[in-house]
Every structure is written in structure tokens, then in C-alpha cells.
Amino acid sequence: MRWLVGPAIASLVGAFLVVRIFDYIVAGVSTGKTGGAGVSAARAGLFVATWTAIIAGSGMRGFSARVRQLRQKTRSANKLLDTRR
């Protein structure tokens, strides 16, 4: 379960941080109103996009590491088979 829990928590924290920064910027730009349907939709979209980007990046790093390990094992097996011929 480590492969699921770690990236999920990291993406959750990252998405909350990005939304907080967005809220800080929007509160600084707006003149008293900090809400609205457009801002709420933007916050939700930003949260989902950030969550997805972090999860996808984490998954691709894990996939790349597995591919590297497989290639290394294949190389060593080929070397072993070549020496036996």
C-alpha cells in the first residue's frame, strides 16, 4: 500500500498548497469579494489538475524506475548467456 498512500498524501498536500496560494493571490487582487461561482470553479479545477499532475508524475517516476531495473536485469542475463556460449 506504500505505492498508493505516499503519492496520494503528497498530491493532497501539494494541491492544498497550490489552492492556498491561489486564494492568497485572488484575495489580493479582488476588492472585497473573495468568492463567486467563477472563483469556486477555478479553485476546484486547480485542485483536480494539481492532484492529477502530481499523481501522474509520481507514477511515471515509479514506472521509469521499474523499466530501468528490468533493462539492467536483461543486460546481466544476456551477458551471462553470452559467456556460456
PDB file of N, CA and C in Angstrom:
ATOM      1  N   MET A   1       0.812  -1.206   0.000  1.00  0.00           N
ATOM      2  CA  MET A   1       0.000   0.000   0.000  1.00  0.00           C
ATOM      3  C   MET A   1       0.852   1.265   0.000  1.00  0.00           C
ATOM      4  N   ARG A   2       2.154   1.111   0.221  1.00  0.00           N
ATOM      5  CA  ARG A   2       3.029   2.283   0.233  1.00  0.00           C
ATOM      6  C   ARG A   2       3.014   2.987  -1.119  1.00  0.00           C
ATOM      7  N   TRP A   3       2.886   2.225  -2.203  1.00  0.00           N
ATOM      8  CA  TRP A   3       2.890   2.802  -3.541  1.00  0.00           C
ATOM      9  C   TRP A   3       1.663   3.680  -3.774  1.00  0.00           C
ATOM     10  N   LEU A   4       0.610   3.486  -2.986  1.00  0.00           N
ATOM     11  CA  LEU A   4      -0.608   4.266  -3.148  1.00  0.00           C
ATOM     12  C   LEU A   4      -0.700   5.405  -2.132  1.00  0.00           C
ATOM     13  N   VAL A   5      -0.362   5.125  -0.888  1.00  0.00           N
ATOM     14  CA  VAL A   5      -0.559   6.105   0.179  1.00  0.00           C
ATOM     15  C   VAL A   5       0.414   7.283   0.065  1.00  0.00           C
ATOM     16  N   GLY A   6       1.672   6.994  -0.197  1.00  0.00           N
ATOM     17  CA  GLY A   6       2.672   8.062  -0.283  1.00  0.00           C
ATOM     18  C   GLY A   6       2.353   9.108  -1.339  1.00  0.00           C
ATOM     19  N   PRO A   7       2.178   8.702  -2.595  1.00  0.00           N
ATOM     20  CA  PRO A   7       1.840   9.691  -3.624  1.00  0.00           C
ATOM     21  C   PRO A   7       0.489  10.373  -3.390  1.00  0.00           C
ATOM     22  N   ALA A   8      -0.475   9.659  -2.821  1.00  0.00           N
ATOM     23  CA  ALA A   8      -1.783  10.275  -2.567  1.00  0.00           C
ATOM     24  C   ALA A   8      -1.673  11.383  -1.530  1.00  0.00           C
ATOM     25  N   ILE A   9      -0.912  11.151  -0.474  1.00  0.00           N
ATOM     26  CA  ILE A   9      -0.735  12.184   0.550  1.00  0.00           C
ATOM     27  C   ILE A   9       0.067  13.352  -0.004  1.00  0.00           C
ATOM     28  N   ALA A  10       1.117  13.058  -0.764  1.00  0.00           N
ATOM     29  CA  ALA A  10       1.926  14.124  -1.355  1.00  0.00           C
ATOM     30  C   ALA A  10       1.101  14.976  -2.311  1.00  0.00           C
ATOM     31  N   SER A  11       0.271  14.345  -3.119  1.00  0.00           N
ATOM     32  CA  SER A  11      -0.544  15.117  -4.055  1.00  0.00           C
ATOM     33  C   SER A  11      -1.620  15.918  -3.332  1.00  0.00           C
ATOM     34  N   LEU A  12      -2.159  15.379  -2.257  1.00  0.00           N
ATOM     35  CA  LEU A  12      -3.150  16.106  -1.473  1.00  0.00           C
ATOM     36  C   LEU A  12      -2.541  17.365  -0.864  1.00  0.00           C
ATOM     37  N   VAL A  13      -1.376  17.220  -0.264  1.00  0.00           N
ATOM     38  CA  VAL A  13      -0.697  18.375   0.344  1.00  0.00           C
ATOM     39  C   VAL A  13      -0.315  19.391  -0.728  1.00  0.00           C
ATOM     40  N   GLY A  14       0.211  18.914  -1.848  1.00  0.00           N
ATOM     41  CA  GLY A  14       0.583  19.820  -2.933  1.00  0.00           C
ATOM     42  C   GLY A  14      -0.612  20.571  -3.487  1.00  0.00           C
ATOM     43  N   ALA A  15      -1.725  19.877  -3.664  1.00  0.00           N
ATOM     44  CA  ALA A  15      -2.926  20.525  -4.195  1.00  0.00           C
ATOM     45  C   ALA A  15      -3.464  21.561  -3.216  1.00  0.00           C
ATOM     46  N   PHE A  16      -3.452  21.254  -1.922  1.00  0.00           N
ATOM     47  CA  PHE A  16      -3.904  22.238  -0.938  1.00  0.00           C
ATOM     48  C   PHE A  16      -2.999  23.467  -0.926  1.00  0.00           C
ATOM     49  N   LEU A  17      -1.694  23.261  -1.051  1.00  0.00           N
ATOM     50  CA  LEU A  17      -0.778  24.402  -1.086  1.00  0.00           C
ATOM     51  C   LEU A  17      -1.025  25.277  -2.310  1.00  0.00           C
ATOM     52  N   VAL A  18      -1.235  24.665  -3.452  1.00  0.00           N
ATOM     53  CA  VAL A  18      -1.486  25.438  -4.670  1.00  0.00           C
ATOM     54  C   VAL A  18      -2.801  26.204  -4.551  1.00  0.00           C
ATOM     55  N   VAL A  19      -3.826  25.594  -3.992  1.00  0.00           N
ATOM     56  CA  VAL A  19      -5.111  26.280  -3.818  1.00  0.00           C
ATOM     57  C   VAL A  19      -4.975  27.427  -2.815  1.00  0.00           C
ATOM     58  N   ARG A  20      -4.186  27.234  -1.754  1.00  0.00           N
ATOM     59  CA  ARG A  20      -3.968  28.317  -0.787  1.00  0.00           C
ATOM     60  C   ARG A  20      -3.247  29.497  -1.434  1.00  0.00           C
ATOM     61  N   ILE A  21      -2.255  29.204  -2.272  1.00  0.00           N
ATOM     62  CA  ILE A  21      -1.563  30.279  -2.985  1.00  0.00           C
ATOM     63  C   ILE A  21      -2.525  30.984  -3.925  1.00  0.00           C
ATOM     64  N   PHE A  22      -3.373  30.227  -4.602  1.00  0.00           N
ATOM     65  CA  PHE A  22      -4.393  30.811  -5.476  1.00  0.00           C
ATOM     66  C   PHE A  22      -5.329  31.715  -4.685  1.00  0.00           C
ATOM     67  N   ASP A  23      -5.781  31.248  -3.518  1.00  0.00           N
ATOM     68  CA  ASP A  23      -6.658  32.057  -2.673  1.00  0.00           C
ATOM     69  C   ASP A  23      -5.973  33.349  -2.238  1.00  0.00           C
ATOM     70  N   TYR A  24      -4.697  33.256  -1.898  1.00  0.00           N
ATOM     71  CA  TYR A  24      -3.943  34.440  -1.481  1.00  0.00           C
ATOM     72  C   TYR A  24      -3.854  35.445  -2.624  1.00  0.00           C
ATOM     73  N   ILE A  25      -3.593  34.952  -3.835  1.00  0.00           N
ATOM     74  CA  ILE A  25      -3.491  35.843  -4.993  1.00  0.00           C
ATOM     75  C   ILE A  25      -4.843  36.460  -5.325  1.00  0.00           C
ATOM     76  N   VAL A  26      -5.900  35.659  -5.309  1.00  0.00           N
ATOM     77  CA  VAL A  26      -7.233  36.163  -5.637  1.00  0.00           C
ATOM     78  C   VAL A  26      -7.695  37.163  -4.579  1.00  0.00           C
ATOM     79  N   ALA A  27      -7.406  36.909  -3.302  1.00  0.00           N
ATOM     80  CA  ALA A  27      -7.802  37.834  -2.240  1.00  0.00           C
ATOM     81  C   ALA A  27      -7.044  39.150  -2.370  1.00  0.00           C
ATOM     82  N   GLY A  28      -5.802  39.098  -2.851  1.00  0.00           N
ATOM     83  CA  GLY A  28      -5.026  40.319  -3.036  1.00  0.00           C
ATOM     84  C   GLY A  28      -5.482  41.118  -4.233  1.00  0.00           C
ATOM     85  N   VAL A  29      -5.999  40.451  -5.257  1.00  0.00           N
ATOM     86  CA  VAL A  29      -6.414  41.123  -6.478  1.00  0.00           C
ATOM     87  C   VAL A  29      -7.836  41.652  -6.363  1.00  0.00           C
ATOM     88  N   SER A  30      -8.722  40.875  -5.754  1.00  0.00           N
ATOM     89  CA  SER A  30     -10.129  41.276  -5.697  1.00  0.00           C
ATOM     90  C   SER A  30     -10.313  42.413  -4.695  1.00  0.00           C
ATOM     91  N   THR A  31     -11.405  43.110  -4.845  1.00  0.00           N
ATOM     92  CA  THR A  31     -11.683  44.276  -3.997  1.00  0.00           C
ATOM     93  C   THR A  31     -12.809  43.960  -3.023  1.00  0.00           C
ATOM     94  N   GLY A  32     -12.551  43.140  -2.070  1.00  0.00           N
ATOM     95  CA  GLY A  32     -13.538  42.844  -1.051  1.00  0.00           C
ATOM     96  C   GLY A  32     -14.260  41.531  -1.258  1.00  0.00           C
ATOM     97  N   LYS A  33     -14.595  41.173  -2.478  1.00  0.00           N
ATOM     98  CA  LYS A  33     -15.288  39.917  -2.741  1.00  0.00           C
ATOM     99  C   LYS A  33     -14.239  38.824  -2.953  1.00  0.00           C
ATOM    100  N   THR A  34     -14.338  37.768  -2.166  1.00  0.00           N
ATOM    101  CA  THR A  34     -13.381  36.672  -2.304  1.00  0.00           C
ATOM    102  C   THR A  34     -14.053  35.391  -2.770  1.00  0.00           C
ATOM    103  N   GLY A  35     -15.267  35.485  -3.218  1.00  0.00           N
ATOM    104  CA  GLY A  35     -15.993  34.281  -3.633  1.00  0.00           C
ATOM    105  C   GLY A  35     -16.563  34.443  -5.015  1.00  0.00           C
ATOM    106  N   GLY A  36     -17.552  33.656  -5.278  1.00  0.00           N
ATOM    107  CA  GLY A  36     -18.194  33.694  -6.583  1.00  0.00           C
ATOM    108  C   GLY A  36     -18.094  32.349  -7.259  1.00  0.00           C
ATOM    109  N   ALA A  37     -18.997  32.159  -8.201  1.00  0.00           N
ATOM    110  CA  ALA A  37     -19.040  30.873  -8.892  1.00  0.00           C
ATOM    111  C   ALA A  37     -17.794  30.645  -9.732  1.00  0.00           C
ATOM    112  N   GLY A  38     -17.306  31.686 -10.378  1.00  0.00           N
ATOM    113  CA  GLY A  38     -16.117  31.548 -11.218  1.00  0.00           C
ATOM    114  C   GLY A  38     -14.880  31.191 -10.421  1.00  0.00           C
ATOM    115  N   VAL A  39     -14.719  31.834  -9.265  1.00  0.00           N
ATOM    116  CA  VAL A  39     -13.563  31.563  -8.417  1.00  0.00           C
ATOM    117  C   VAL A  39     -13.658  30.160  -7.827  1.00  0.00           C
ATOM    118  N   SER A  40     -14.856  29.755  -7.438  1.00  0.00           N
ATOM    119  CA  SER A  40     -15.037  28.405  -6.894  1.00  0.00           C
ATOM    120  C   SER A  40     -14.741  27.340  -7.942  1.00  0.00           C
ATOM    121  N   ALA A  41     -15.184  27.562  -9.162  1.00  0.00           N
ATOM    122  CA  ALA A  41     -14.902  26.611 -10.242  1.00  0.00           C
ATOM    123  C   ALA A  41     -13.407  26.570 -10.541  1.00  0.00           C
ATOM    124  N   ALA A  42     -12.767  27.724 -10.511  1.00  0.00           N
ATOM    125  CA  ALA A  42     -11.325  27.777 -10.761  1.00  0.00           C
ATOM    126  C   ALA A  42     -10.556  27.051  -9.654  1.00  0.00           C
ATOM    127  N   ARG A  43     -10.990  27.234  -8.398  1.00  0.00           N
ATOM    128  CA  ARG A  43     -10.335  26.536  -7.282  1.00  0.00           C
ATOM    129  C   ARG A  43     -10.466  25.027  -7.435  1.00  0.00           C
ATOM    130  N   ALA A  44     -11.671  24.559  -7.771  1.00  0.00           N
ATOM    131  CA  ALA A  44     -11.892  23.121  -7.926  1.00  0.00           C
ATOM    132  C   ALA A  44     -11.065  22.572  -9.087  1.00  0.00           C
ATOM    133  N   GLY A  45     -11.057  23.271 -10.188  1.00  0.00           N
ATOM    134  CA  GLY A  45     -10.273  22.835 -11.342  1.00  0.00           C
ATOM    135  C   GLY A  45      -8.786  22.827 -11.054  1.00  0.00           C
ATOM    136  N   LEU A  46      -8.320  23.825 -10.338  1.00  0.00           N
ATOM    137  CA  LEU A  46      -6.906  23.901  -9.972  1.00  0.00           C
ATOM    138  C   LEU A  46      -6.524  22.767  -9.033  1.00  0.00           C
ATOM    139  N   PHE A  47      -7.400  22.461  -8.083  1.00  0.00           N
ATOM    140  CA  PHE A  47      -7.135  21.364  -7.154  1.00  0.00           C
ATOM    141  C   PHE A  47      -7.036  20.032  -7.899  1.00  0.00           C
ATOM    142  N   VAL A  48      -8.000  19.769  -8.771  1.00  0.00           N
ATOM    143  CA  VAL A  48      -8.014  18.498  -9.515  1.00  0.00           C
ATOM    144  C   VAL A  48      -6.816  18.419 -10.456  1.00  0.00           C
ATOM    145  N   ALA A  49      -6.496  19.506 -11.139  1.00  0.00           N
ATOM    146  CA  ALA A  49      -5.365  19.500 -12.068  1.00  0.00           C
ATOM    147  C   ALA A  49      -4.051  19.274 -11.327  1.00  0.00           C
ATOM    148  N   THR A  50      -3.880  19.916 -10.178  1.00  0.00           N
ATOM    149  CA  THR A  50      -2.654  19.744  -9.405  1.00  0.00           C
ATOM    150  C   THR A  50      -2.564  18.327  -8.871  1.00  0.00           C
ATOM    151  N   TRP A  51      -3.645  17.812  -8.336  1.00  0.00           N
ATOM    152  CA  TRP A  51      -3.685  16.433  -7.813  1.00  0.00           C
ATOM    153  C   TRP A  51      -3.293  15.456  -8.921  1.00  0.00           C
ATOM    154  N   THR A  52      -3.887  15.618 -10.100  1.00  0.00           N
ATOM    155  CA  THR A  52      -3.623  14.722 -11.222  1.00  0.00           C
ATOM    156  C   THR A  52      -2.180  14.823 -11.689  1.00  0.00           C
ATOM    157  N   ALA A  53      -1.653  16.030 -11.765  1.00  0.00           N
ATOM    158  CA  ALA A  53      -0.273  16.219 -12.228  1.00  0.00           C
ATOM    159  C   ALA A  53       0.725  15.566 -11.276  1.00  0.00           C
ATOM    160  N   ILE A  54       0.527  15.710  -9.981  1.00  0.00           N
ATOM    161  CA  ILE A  54       1.454  15.128  -9.017  1.00  0.00           C
ATOM    162  C   ILE A  54       1.363  13.603  -9.034  1.00  0.00           C
ATOM    163  N   ILE A  55       0.159  13.067  -9.086  1.00  0.00           N
ATOM    164  CA  ILE A  55      -0.017  11.611  -9.132  1.00  0.00           C
ATOM    165  C   ILE A  55       0.594  11.036 -10.413  1.00  0.00           C
ATOM    166  N   ALA A  56       0.344  11.696 -11.542  1.00  0.00           N
ATOM    167  CA  ALA A  56       0.884  11.202 -12.813  1.00  0.00           C
ATOM    168  C   ALA A  56       2.408  11.260 -12.819  1.00  0.00           C
ATOM    169  N   GLY A  57       2.969  12.347 -12.306  1.00  0.00           N
ATOM    170  CA  GLY A  57       4.422  12.450 -12.230  1.00  0.00           C
ATOM    171  C   GLY A  57       5.031  11.383 -11.347  1.00  0.00           C
ATOM    172  N   SER A  58       4.395  11.137 -10.233  1.00  0.00           N
ATOM    173  CA  SER A  58       4.869  10.100  -9.322  1.00  0.00           C
ATOM    174  C   SER A  58       4.774   8.722  -9.958  1.00  0.00           C
ATOM    175  N   GLY A  59       3.690   8.457 -10.639  1.00  0.00           N
ATOM    176  CA  GLY A  59       3.520   7.176 -11.309  1.00  0.00           C
ATOM    177  C   GLY A  59       4.537   6.973 -12.416  1.00  0.00           C
ATOM    178  N   MET A  60       4.838   8.025 -13.161  1.00  0.00           N
ATOM    179  CA  MET A  60       5.815   7.904 -14.232  1.00  0.00           C
ATOM    180  C   MET A  60       7.221   7.687 -13.675  1.00  0.00           C
ATOM    181  N   ARG A  61       7.541   8.311 -12.544  1.00  0.00           N
ATOM    182  CA  ARG A  61       8.852   8.067 -11.922  1.00  0.00           C
ATOM    183  C   ARG A  61       8.972   6.618 -11.495  1.00  0.00           C
ATOM    184  N   GLY A  62       7.922   6.082 -10.901  1.00  0.00           N
ATOM    185  CA  GLY A  62       7.919   4.681 -10.490  1.00  0.00           C
ATOM    186  C   GLY A  62       8.020   3.738 -11.679  1.00  0.00           C
ATOM    187  N   PHE A  63       7.296   4.049 -12.734  1.00  0.00           N
ATOM    188  CA  PHE A  63       7.335   3.239 -13.948  1.00  0.00           C
ATOM    189  C   PHE A  63       8.722   3.265 -14.571  1.00  0.00           C
ATOM    190  N   SER A  64       9.317   4.454 -14.649  1.00  0.00           N
ATOM    191  CA  SER A  64      10.661   4.579 -15.224  1.00  0.00           C
ATOM    192  C   SER A  64      11.686   3.797 -14.413  1.00  0.00           C
ATOM    193  N   ALA A  65      11.556   3.823 -13.096  1.00  0.00           N
ATOM    194  CA  ALA A  65      12.479   3.071 -12.246  1.00  0.00           C
ATOM    195  C   ALA A  65      12.334   1.575 -12.494  1.00  0.00           C
ATOM    196  N   ARG A  66      11.120   1.097 -12.640  1.00  0.00           N
ATOM    197  CA  ARG A  66      10.902  -0.335 -12.912  1.00  0.00           C
ATOM    198  C   ARG A  66      11.475  -0.733 -14.264  1.00  0.00           C
ATOM    199  N   VAL A  67      11.315   0.133 -15.264  1.00  0.00           N
ATOM    200  CA  VAL A  67      11.857  -0.161 -16.588  1.00  0.00           C
ATOM    201  C   VAL A  67      13.379  -0.215 -16.538  1.00  0.00           C
ATOM    202  N   ARG A  68      14.002   0.724 -15.815  1.00  0.00           N
ATOM    203  CA  ARG A  68      15.462   0.697 -15.665  1.00  0.00           C
ATOM    204  C   ARG A  68      15.933  -0.588 -15.014  1.00  0.00           C
ATOM    205  N   GLN A  69      15.234  -1.026 -13.973  1.00  0.00           N
ATOM    206  CA  GLN A  69      15.592  -2.279 -13.301  1.00  0.00           C
ATOM    207  C   GLN A  69      15.454  -3.467 -14.252  1.00  0.00           C
ATOM    208  N   LEU A  70      14.396  -3.487 -15.022  1.00  0.00           N
ATOM    209  CA  LEU A  70      14.181  -4.580 -15.969  1.00  0.00           C
ATOM    210  C   LEU A  70      15.273  -4.604 -17.028  1.00  0.00           C
ATOM    211  N   ARG A  71      15.641  -3.437 -17.542  1.00  0.00           N
ATOM    212  CA  ARG A  71      16.711  -3.374 -18.546  1.00  0.00           C
ATOM    213  C   ARG A  71      18.039  -3.848 -17.968  1.00  0.00           C
ATOM    214  N   GLN A  72      18.323  -3.460 -16.737  1.00  0.00           N
ATOM    215  CA  GLN A  72      19.565  -3.882 -16.102  1.00  0.00           C
ATOM    216  C   GLN A  72      19.592  -5.404 -15.922  1.00  0.00           C
ATOM    217  N   LYS A  73      18.490  -5.974 -15.490  1.00  0.00           N
ATOM    218  CA  LYS A  73      18.427  -7.426 -15.325  1.00  0.00           C
ATOM    219  C   LYS A  73      18.537  -8.142 -16.665  1.00  0.00           C
ATOM    220  N   THR A  74      17.949  -7.576 -17.702  1.00  0.00           N
ATOM    221  CA  THR A  74      18.039  -8.167 -19.035  1.00  0.00           C
ATOM    222  C   THR A  74      19.482  -8.131 -19.536  1.00  0.00           C
ATOM    223  N   ARG A  75      20.164  -7.004 -19.329  1.00  0.00           N
ATOM    224  CA  ARG A  75      21.569  -6.895 -19.733  1.00  0.00           C
ATOM    225  C   ARG A  75      22.428  -7.927 -19.020  1.00  0.00           C
ATOM    226  N   SER A  76      22.239  -8.059 -17.721  1.00  0.00           N
ATOM    227  CA  SER A  76      23.058  -9.016 -16.975  1.00  0.00           C
ATOM    228  C   SER A  76      22.729 -10.452 -17.382  1.00  0.00           C
ATOM    229  N   ALA A  77      21.489 -10.745 -17.695  1.00  0.00           N
ATOM    230  CA  ALA A  77      21.129 -12.087 -18.160  1.00  0.00           C
ATOM    231  C   ALA A  77      21.737 -12.351 -19.531  1.00  0.00           C
ATOM    232  N   ASN A  78      21.722 -11.358 -20.407  1.00  0.00           N
ATOM    233  CA  ASN A  78      22.329 -11.526 -21.731  1.00  0.00           C
ATOM    234  C   ASN A  78      23.833 -11.754 -21.620  1.00  0.00           C
ATOM    235  N   LYS A  79      24.487 -11.024 -20.746  1.00  0.00           N
ATOM    236  CA  LYS A  79      25.926 -11.209 -20.547  1.00  0.00           C
ATOM    237  C   LYS A  79      26.211 -12.617 -20.033  1.00  0.00           C
ATOM    238  N   LEU A  80      25.399 -13.094 -19.129  1.00  0.00           N
ATOM    239  CA  LEU A  80      25.579 -14.435 -18.580  1.00  0.00           C
ATOM    240  C   LEU A  80      25.383 -15.487 -19.670  1.00  0.00           C
ATOM    241  N   LEU A  81      24.366 -15.306 -20.505  1.00  0.00           N
ATOM    242  CA  LEU A  81      24.114 -16.261 -21.591  1.00  0.00           C
ATOM    243  C   LEU A  81      25.203 -16.213 -22.659  1.00  0.00           C
ATOM    244  N   ASP A  82      25.738 -15.015 -22.935  1.00  0.00           N
ATOM    245  CA  ASP A  82      26.798 -14.884 -23.934  1.00  0.00           C
ATOM    246  C   ASP A  82      28.084 -15.553 -23.479  1.00  0.00           C
ATOM    247  N   THR A  83      28.380 -15.522 -22.192  1.00  0.00           N
ATOM    248  CA  THR A  83      29.616 -16.133 -21.692  1.00  0.00           C
ATOM    249  C   THR A  83      29.534 -17.653 -21.701  1.00  0.00           C
ATOM    250  N   ARG A  84      28.338 -18.205 -21.700  1.00  0.00           N
ATOM    251  CA  ARG A  84      28.173 -19.657 -21.698  1.00  0.00           C
ATOM    252  C   ARG A  84      28.278 -20.262 -23.089  1.00  0.00           C
ATOM    253  N   ARG A  85      28.188 -19.470 -24.117  1.00  0.00           N
ATOM    254  CA  ARG A  85      28.246 -19.997 -25.496  1.00  0.00           C
ATOM    255  C   ARG A  85      29.635 -20.300 -25.936  1.00  0.00           C
TER     256      ARG A  85
END
